[in-house]
Amino acid sequence: MVEAAAPEPPGPDSALLLHRIAGGDIDAFQAFYRRHAGRVLAYARQLGRNPDLAEDVVQEVFVAVWRKAASYQADRGDPVGWLYTITRNKLVDLWRKTGDTAGLDELQWQQLPGPEPAAGSPRSDLLLTMRQALARVSPEQRAAIEMAYFGDLTYEETAERLRLPVGTLKSRIRAGLRTLRAVLEER
């Protein structure tokens, strides 16, 4: 089970730091890194099977933070969720680059760090149902769906990361969504 994220430490909040990073503020970047690097490393180690590669992933994540801070949108989620999405996507990229797609099978829609929903709650039932449904979708289709719908990427960005033409990506997503719909209608 994933532990709940710790509350924000004193000082500027992470959203403000991201805003300042987008403006090229190196001090804000360093503060953001100090605040989140440990949790990102723990998350990368939790998802990955190779602890040594987790440090490489953390480095790539924070390079992406420096480059993409302006893309953070507060109305779409908190900075920590955005950061964990980047981490997860970097792990997927690494697995695809190295040909180690077994990591994708282990990932199967893992919840981002945060409080686990209470057992029996509508949210926990929905999460369980979606995990079970996604387990019935092919790994290629599942990766495309997760990156495009849950990874906050456009179709073009997802296609680029998966090294696919956009049309092929859309076909995989459509086929995967048809499978999901059929599985969910069985319930």
C-alpha atoms as a PDB file:
ATOM      1  CA  MET A   1       0.000   0.000   0.000  1.00  0.00           C
ATOM      2  CA  VAL A   2       1.258   3.477  -0.843  1.00  0.00           C
ATOM      3  CA  GLU A   3       1.558   5.898   2.030  1.00  0.00           C
ATOM      4  CA  ALA A   4      -0.122   9.268   1.971  1.00  0.00           C
ATOM      5  CA  ALA A   5       2.058  12.116   0.774  1.00  0.00           C
ATOM      6  CA  ALA A   6       3.525  14.236   3.546  1.00  0.00           C
ATOM      7  CA  PRO A   7       2.104  17.733   3.971  1.00  0.00           C
ATOM      8  CA  GLU A   8       3.911  20.621   2.317  1.00  0.00           C
ATOM      9  CA  PRO A   9       6.893  21.795   4.373  1.00  0.00           C
ATOM     10  CA  PRO A  10       7.151  25.454   5.373  1.00  0.00           C
ATOM     11  CA  GLY A  11       8.043  27.917   2.626  1.00  0.00           C
ATOM     12  CA  PRO A  12       6.571  28.648  -0.775  1.00  0.00           C
ATOM     13  CA  ASP A  13       4.116  26.000  -1.924  1.00  0.00           C
ATOM     14  CA  SER A  14       5.061  23.694  -4.794  1.00  0.00           C
ATOM     15  CA  ALA A  15       2.712  25.364  -7.276  1.00  0.00           C
ATOM     16  CA  LEU A  16       4.403  28.713  -6.653  1.00  0.00           C
ATOM     17  CA  LEU A  17       7.814  27.072  -7.014  1.00  0.00           C
ATOM     18  CA  LEU A  18       6.768  25.581 -10.361  1.00  0.00           C
ATOM     19  CA  HIS A  19       5.607  29.009 -11.516  1.00  0.00           C
ATOM     20  CA  ARG A  20       8.984  30.453 -10.568  1.00  0.00           C
ATOM     21  CA  ILE A  21      10.822  27.532 -12.219  1.00  0.00           C
ATOM     22  CA  ALA A  22       8.905  28.238 -15.434  1.00  0.00           C
ATOM     23  CA  GLY A  23      10.430  31.717 -15.280  1.00  0.00           C
ATOM     24  CA  GLY A  24      13.941  30.259 -15.013  1.00  0.00           C
ATOM     25  CA  ASP A  25      14.424  30.671 -11.246  1.00  0.00           C
ATOM     26  CA  ILE A  26      17.210  28.239 -10.283  1.00  0.00           C
ATOM     27  CA  ASP A  27      16.692  28.830  -6.550  1.00  0.00           C
ATOM     28  CA  ALA A  28      13.055  27.769  -6.892  1.00  0.00           C
ATOM     29  CA  PHE A  29      14.182  24.674  -8.788  1.00  0.00           C
ATOM     30  CA  GLN A  30      16.633  23.766  -6.044  1.00  0.00           C
ATOM     31  CA  ALA A  31      13.949  24.238  -3.388  1.00  0.00           C
ATOM     32  CA  PHE A  32      11.499  22.111  -5.408  1.00  0.00           C
ATOM     33  CA  TYR A  33      14.159  19.414  -5.835  1.00  0.00           C
ATOM     34  CA  ARG A  34      15.028  19.354  -2.123  1.00  0.00           C
ATOM     35  CA  ARG A  35      11.352  19.147  -1.260  1.00  0.00           C
ATOM     36  CA  HIS A  36      10.414  16.313  -3.628  1.00  0.00           C
ATOM     37  CA  ALA A  37      13.488  14.338  -4.757  1.00  0.00           C
ATOM     38  CA  GLY A  38      13.352  11.859  -1.872  1.00  0.00           C
ATOM     39  CA  ARG A  39       9.711  10.978  -2.471  1.00  0.00           C
ATOM     40  CA  VAL A  40      10.238  10.733  -6.237  1.00  0.00           C
ATOM     41  CA  LEU A  41      13.172   8.369  -5.657  1.00  0.00           C
ATOM     42  CA  ALA A  42      11.088   6.213  -3.299  1.00  0.00           C
ATOM     43  CA  TYR A  43       8.245   6.127  -5.840  1.00  0.00           C
ATOM     44  CA  ALA A  44      10.608   5.192  -8.691  1.00  0.00           C
ATOM     45  CA  ARG A  45      12.092   2.411  -6.556  1.00  0.00           C
ATOM     46  CA  GLN A  46       8.615   1.182  -5.648  1.00  0.00           C
ATOM     47  CA  LEU A  47       7.507   0.948  -9.282  1.00  0.00           C
ATOM     48  CA  GLY A  48      10.779  -0.205 -10.798  1.00  0.00           C
ATOM     49  CA  ARG A  49      12.590  -3.453 -10.263  1.00  0.00           C
ATOM     50  CA  ASN A  50      16.081  -1.991 -10.481  1.00  0.00           C
ATOM     51  CA  PRO A  51      16.944   0.409  -7.628  1.00  0.00           C
ATOM     52  CA  ASP A  52      20.044   1.644  -9.467  1.00  0.00           C
ATOM     53  CA  LEU A  53      17.957   2.832 -12.405  1.00  0.00           C
ATOM     54  CA  ALA A  54      15.621   4.689 -10.049  1.00  0.00           C
ATOM     55  CA  GLU A  55      18.284   7.359  -9.517  1.00  0.00           C
ATOM     56  CA  ASP A  56      18.609   7.829 -13.288  1.00  0.00           C
ATOM     57  CA  VAL A  57      14.848   8.177 -13.521  1.00  0.00           C
ATOM     58  CA  VAL A  58      14.856  10.844 -10.794  1.00  0.00           C
ATOM     59  CA  GLN A  59      17.462  12.804 -12.730  1.00  0.00           C
ATOM     60  CA  GLU A  60      15.351  12.611 -15.895  1.00  0.00           C
ATOM     61  CA  VAL A  61      12.243  13.623 -13.955  1.00  0.00           C
ATOM     62  CA  PHE A  62      13.826  16.789 -12.621  1.00  0.00           C
ATOM     63  CA  VAL A  63      15.274  17.687 -16.015  1.00  0.00           C
ATOM     64  CA  ALA A  64      11.693  17.409 -17.279  1.00  0.00           C
ATOM     65  CA  VAL A  65      10.479  19.582 -14.388  1.00  0.00           C
ATOM     66  CA  TRP A  66      12.968  22.276 -15.387  1.00  0.00           C
ATOM     67  CA  ARG A  67      11.892  22.094 -19.037  1.00  0.00           C
ATOM     68  CA  LYS A  68       8.133  21.615 -18.535  1.00  0.00           C
ATOM     69  CA  ALA A  69       7.316  23.633 -15.414  1.00  0.00           C
ATOM     70  CA  ALA A  70       5.253  26.012 -17.535  1.00  0.00           C
ATOM     71  CA  SER A  71       2.999  23.117 -18.580  1.00  0.00           C
ATOM     72  CA  TYR A  72       1.792  22.530 -15.009  1.00  0.00           C
ATOM     73  CA  GLN A  73      -1.888  23.488 -14.669  1.00  0.00           C
ATOM     74  CA  ALA A  74      -3.164  23.867 -11.116  1.00  0.00           C
ATOM     75  CA  ASP A  75      -6.773  23.265 -12.189  1.00  0.00           C
ATOM     76  CA  ARG A  76      -5.831  19.751 -13.392  1.00  0.00           C
ATOM     77  CA  GLY A  77      -4.279  18.542 -10.142  1.00  0.00           C
ATOM     78  CA  ASP A  78      -1.714  19.213  -7.484  1.00  0.00           C
ATOM     79  CA  PRO A  79       2.019  19.576  -8.199  1.00  0.00           C
ATOM     80  CA  VAL A  80       2.866  16.291  -6.493  1.00  0.00           C
ATOM     81  CA  GLY A  81       0.450  14.353  -8.701  1.00  0.00           C
ATOM     82  CA  TRP A  82       1.940  16.079 -11.767  1.00  0.00           C
ATOM     83  CA  LEU A  83       5.416  15.127 -10.564  1.00  0.00           C
ATOM     84  CA  TYR A  84       4.473  11.477  -9.978  1.00  0.00           C
ATOM     85  CA  THR A  85       2.883  11.310 -13.433  1.00  0.00           C
ATOM     86  CA  ILE A  86       6.155  12.493 -14.962  1.00  0.00           C
ATOM     87  CA  THR A  87       8.018   9.879 -12.899  1.00  0.00           C
ATOM     88  CA  ARG A  88       5.742   7.095 -14.029  1.00  0.00           C
ATOM     89  CA  ASN A  89       6.026   8.172 -17.661  1.00  0.00           C
ATOM     90  CA  LYS A  90       9.829   8.303 -17.419  1.00  0.00           C
ATOM     91  CA  LEU A  91       9.834   4.734 -16.086  1.00  0.00           C
ATOM     92  CA  VAL A  92       7.637   3.607 -18.978  1.00  0.00           C
ATOM     93  CA  ASP A  93       9.979   5.382 -21.417  1.00  0.00           C
ATOM     94  CA  LEU A  94      12.979   3.645 -19.866  1.00  0.00           C
ATOM     95  CA  TRP A  95      11.337   0.221 -20.048  1.00  0.00           C
ATOM     96  CA  ARG A  96      10.424   0.773 -23.678  1.00  0.00           C
ATOM     97  CA  LYS A  97      13.908   2.040 -24.534  1.00  0.00           C
ATOM     98  CA  THR A  98      15.601  -0.967 -22.926  1.00  0.00           C
ATOM     99  CA  GLY A  99      13.031  -3.433 -24.257  1.00  0.00           C
ATOM    100  CA  ASP A 100      12.111  -4.425 -20.695  1.00  0.00           C
ATOM    101  CA  THR A 101       8.358  -4.402 -21.154  1.00  0.00           C
ATOM    102  CA  ALA A 102       7.857  -6.737 -18.180  1.00  0.00           C
ATOM    103  CA  GLY A 103       7.823  -3.556 -16.080  1.00  0.00           C
ATOM    104  CA  LEU A 104       4.700  -2.440 -17.910  1.00  0.00           C
ATOM    105  CA  ASP A 105       2.860  -5.581 -16.853  1.00  0.00           C
ATOM    106  CA  GLU A 106       3.826  -4.994 -13.219  1.00  0.00           C
ATOM    107  CA  LEU A 107       2.672  -1.388 -13.376  1.00  0.00           C
ATOM    108  CA  GLN A 108      -0.982  -2.233 -14.193  1.00  0.00           C
ATOM    109  CA  TRP A 109      -2.632   0.994 -13.170  1.00  0.00           C
ATOM    110  CA  GLN A 110      -0.964   1.626  -9.859  1.00  0.00           C
ATOM    111  CA  GLN A 111      -2.442   4.460  -7.905  1.00  0.00           C
ATOM    112  CA  LEU A 112      -0.290   7.515  -7.464  1.00  0.00           C
ATOM    113  CA  PRO A 113       0.872   8.224  -3.922  1.00  0.00           C
ATOM    114  CA  GLY A 114      -1.893   9.576  -1.806  1.00  0.00           C
ATOM    115  CA  PRO A 115      -4.460   8.271   0.605  1.00  0.00           C
ATOM    116  CA  GLU A 116      -5.882   4.900  -0.322  1.00  0.00           C
ATOM    117  CA  PRO A 117      -9.688   5.048  -0.595  1.00  0.00           C
ATOM    118  CA  ALA A 118     -11.581   3.405   2.243  1.00  0.00           C
ATOM    119  CA  ALA A 119     -12.547  -0.192   1.515  1.00  0.00           C
ATOM    120  CA  GLY A 120     -16.114  -0.486   0.319  1.00  0.00           C
ATOM    121  CA  SER A 121     -16.334   3.184  -0.672  1.00  0.00           C
ATOM    122  CA  PRO A 122     -17.625   3.972  -4.153  1.00  0.00           C
ATOM    123  CA  ARG A 123     -14.162   5.271  -5.097  1.00  0.00           C
ATOM    124  CA  SER A 124     -12.416   2.074  -3.928  1.00  0.00           C
ATOM    125  CA  ASP A 125     -14.966  -0.065  -5.793  1.00  0.00           C
ATOM    126  CA  LEU A 126     -14.429   1.988  -8.955  1.00  0.00           C
ATOM    127  CA  LEU A 127     -10.635   1.765  -8.610  1.00  0.00           C
ATOM    128  CA  LEU A 128     -10.788  -2.014  -8.165  1.00  0.00           C
ATOM    129  CA  THR A 129     -13.162  -2.383 -11.104  1.00  0.00           C
ATOM    130  CA  MET A 130     -10.926  -0.281 -13.354  1.00  0.00           C
ATOM    131  CA  ARG A 131      -7.799  -2.205 -12.310  1.00  0.00           C
ATOM    132  CA  GLN A 132      -9.552  -5.486 -13.097  1.00  0.00           C
ATOM    133  CA  ALA A 133     -10.838  -4.194 -16.426  1.00  0.00           C
ATOM    134  CA  LEU A 134      -7.459  -2.813 -17.473  1.00  0.00           C
ATOM    135  CA  ALA A 135      -5.849  -6.153 -16.630  1.00  0.00           C
ATOM    136  CA  ARG A 136      -7.935  -7.663 -19.458  1.00  0.00           C
ATOM    137  CA  VAL A 137      -6.621  -5.191 -22.054  1.00  0.00           C
ATOM    138  CA  SER A 138      -3.464  -6.071 -24.009  1.00  0.00           C
ATOM    139  CA  PRO A 139      -0.262  -4.492 -22.598  1.00  0.00           C
ATOM    140  CA  GLU A 140       0.184  -2.320 -25.711  1.00  0.00           C
ATOM    141  CA  GLN A 141      -3.376  -1.009 -25.528  1.00  0.00           C
ATOM    142  CA  ARG A 142      -3.179  -0.537 -21.756  1.00  0.00           C
ATOM    143  CA  ALA A 143       0.043   1.495 -22.027  1.00  0.00           C
ATOM    144  CA  ALA A 144      -1.527   3.730 -24.687  1.00  0.00           C
ATOM    145  CA  ILE A 145      -4.699   4.265 -22.640  1.00  0.00           C
ATOM    146  CA  GLU A 146      -2.826   4.940 -19.411  1.00  0.00           C
ATOM    147  CA  MET A 147      -0.443   7.437 -20.982  1.00  0.00           C
ATOM    148  CA  ALA A 148      -3.116   9.286 -22.971  1.00  0.00           C
ATOM    149  CA  TYR A 149      -5.893   9.316 -20.378  1.00  0.00           C
ATOM    150  CA  PHE A 150      -4.154   9.034 -17.018  1.00  0.00           C
ATOM    151  CA  GLY A 151      -0.690  10.319 -17.875  1.00  0.00           C
ATOM    152  CA  ASP A 152      -1.915  13.743 -18.951  1.00  0.00           C
ATOM    153  CA  LEU A 153      -0.374  13.422 -22.427  1.00  0.00           C
ATOM    154  CA  THR A 154      -1.836  14.368 -25.779  1.00  0.00           C
ATOM    155  CA  TYR A 155      -2.208  11.706 -28.477  1.00  0.00           C
ATOM    156  CA  GLU A 156       0.798  13.204 -30.247  1.00  0.00           C
ATOM    157  CA  GLU A 157       2.957  13.068 -27.087  1.00  0.00           C
ATOM    158  CA  THR A 158       1.807   9.522 -26.349  1.00  0.00           C
ATOM    159  CA  ALA A 159       2.528   8.405 -29.917  1.00  0.00           C
ATOM    160  CA  GLU A 160       5.983   9.949 -29.723  1.00  0.00           C
ATOM    161  CA  ARG A 161       6.790   8.204 -26.434  1.00  0.00           C
ATOM    162  CA  LEU A 162       5.546   4.877 -27.714  1.00  0.00           C
ATOM    163  CA  ARG A 163       7.277   5.445 -31.069  1.00  0.00           C
ATOM    164  CA  LEU A 164       4.070   4.905 -33.011  1.00  0.00           C
ATOM    165  CA  PRO A 165       2.258   6.810 -35.733  1.00  0.00           C
ATOM    166  CA  VAL A 166      -0.650   8.783 -34.273  1.00  0.00           C
ATOM    167  CA  GLY A 167      -3.151   6.757 -36.310  1.00  0.00           C
ATOM    168  CA  THR A 168      -1.821   3.482 -34.901  1.00  0.00           C
ATOM    169  CA  LEU A 169      -1.982   4.900 -31.383  1.00  0.00           C
ATOM    170  CA  LYS A 170      -5.609   5.965 -31.873  1.00  0.00           C
ATOM    171  CA  SER A 171      -6.483   2.506 -33.200  1.00  0.00           C
ATOM    172  CA  ARG A 172      -4.900   0.864 -30.134  1.00  0.00           C
ATOM    173  CA  ILE A 173      -6.745   3.189 -27.809  1.00  0.00           C
ATOM    174  CA  ARG A 174     -10.082   2.611 -29.572  1.00  0.00           C
ATOM    175  CA  ALA A 175      -9.601  -1.169 -29.457  1.00  0.00           C
ATOM    176  CA  GLY A 176      -8.585  -1.014 -25.795  1.00  0.00           C
ATOM    177  CA  LEU A 177     -11.579   1.158 -24.910  1.00  0.00           C
ATOM    178  CA  ARG A 178     -13.901  -1.291 -26.693  1.00  0.00           C
ATOM    179  CA  THR A 179     -12.449  -4.098 -24.568  1.00  0.00           C
ATOM    180  CA  LEU A 180     -12.818  -1.995 -21.422  1.00  0.00           C
ATOM    181  CA  ARG A 181     -16.429  -1.203 -22.278  1.00  0.00           C
ATOM    182  CA  ALA A 182     -17.214  -4.897 -22.864  1.00  0.00           C
ATOM    183  CA  VAL A 183     -15.565  -5.914 -19.583  1.00  0.00           C
ATOM    184  CA  LEU A 184     -17.353  -3.187 -17.628  1.00  0.00           C
ATOM    185  CA  GLU A 185     -20.727  -4.052 -19.216  1.00  0.00           C
ATOM    186  CA  GLU A 186     -20.300  -7.658 -17.981  1.00  0.00           C
ATOM    187  CA  ARG A 187     -20.341  -6.392 -14.393  1.00  0.00           C
END
